[in-house]
Protein backbone atom coordinates (compact mmCIF):
# COMPACT_ATOMS: atom_id res chain seq x y z
CA MET A 1 0.11 -0.15 0.01
CA ALA A 2 1.40 3.49 -0.85
CA ARG A 3 1.93 6.13 1.74
CA LYS A 4 0.09 9.56 1.74
CA ALA A 5 2.26 12.65 1.66
CA MET A 6 2.14 14.04 5.00
CA ARG A 7 2.72 17.65 3.46
CA ALA A 8 1.31 19.82 0.67
CA ALA A 9 3.80 20.49 -2.18
CA SER A 10 6.16 23.55 -1.35
CA LYS A 11 4.69 26.85 -3.19
CA LYS A 12 7.13 29.02 -5.34
CA LYS A 13 8.91 31.86 -3.37
CA GLN A 14 6.89 35.23 -4.25
CA PRO A 15 8.66 37.41 -6.54
CA ALA A 16 10.80 40.39 -4.90
CA ALA A 17 8.97 43.74 -3.99
CA VAL A 18 10.83 45.70 -6.39
CA GLU A 19 9.25 43.80 -9.27
CA THR A 20 5.99 44.59 -7.92
CA SER A 21 6.87 48.11 -7.45
CA ALA A 22 8.05 48.42 -10.77
CA SER A 23 4.92 47.01 -12.09
CA ILE A 24 2.86 49.40 -10.17
CA GLU A 25 4.90 52.18 -11.62
CA GLU A 26 4.74 50.93 -15.25
CA GLN A 27 0.72 50.78 -14.64
CA THR A 28 0.56 54.19 -13.45
CA ARG A 29 2.29 55.99 -16.09
CA ALA A 30 0.14 53.83 -18.73
CA PHE A 31 -2.91 55.32 -16.76
CA LEU A 32 -2.00 58.65 -16.73
CA LYS A 33 -0.78 58.93 -20.22
CA SER A 34 -4.10 57.44 -21.48
CA GLY A 35 -5.44 60.80 -20.05
CA ASN A 36 -7.01 59.59 -16.72
CA GLU A 37 -5.84 61.53 -13.59
CA ILE A 38 -5.19 60.54 -9.87
CA ASP A 39 -7.33 61.90 -7.30
CA VAL A 40 -5.72 62.90 -3.93
CA ILE A 41 -7.47 61.79 -0.94
CA LYS A 42 -6.86 63.22 2.47
CA SER A 43 -5.10 61.30 5.13
CA GLY A 44 -7.35 59.18 7.15
CA ILE A 45 -9.98 58.68 4.63
CA SER A 46 -10.56 55.18 3.54
CA GLY A 47 -13.43 55.97 1.31
CA GLN A 48 -15.21 52.81 2.64
CA PRO A 49 -18.65 53.30 4.05
CA SER A 50 -18.84 53.21 7.96
CA MET A 51 -20.27 50.02 9.71
CA ALA A 52 -20.97 51.83 12.79
CA VAL A 53 -24.67 52.28 13.96
CA ALA A 54 -25.93 55.46 14.39
CA LYS A 55 -26.94 56.24 17.97
CA ALA A 56 -30.57 57.04 18.10
CA PRO A 57 -31.19 60.73 19.84
CA PRO A 58 -32.17 60.60 23.46
CA PRO A 59 -36.04 60.53 23.96
CA ARG A 60 -37.51 63.78 24.80
CA THR A 61 -39.18 64.40 28.22
CA LYS A 62 -42.49 65.61 28.54
CA THR A 63 -42.07 69.21 30.27
CA ALA A 64 -45.21 70.39 32.53
CA ALA A 65 -47.44 73.17 30.90
CA SER A 66 -47.54 76.39 32.90
């Protein structure tokens, strides 16, 4: 009877970050050359909608009529 492999085959090493940076730079140049522009977003703004639930205002209390 054949034995089952205990480990998965090793994956190839990811390419160096330099290749990734160069690729992004090339894509950015092509994007700008095609007439598009890059929007500048203020620091701290993600563009993702907030998942927080808005709090309801406190209930109003009835005041005695004079």
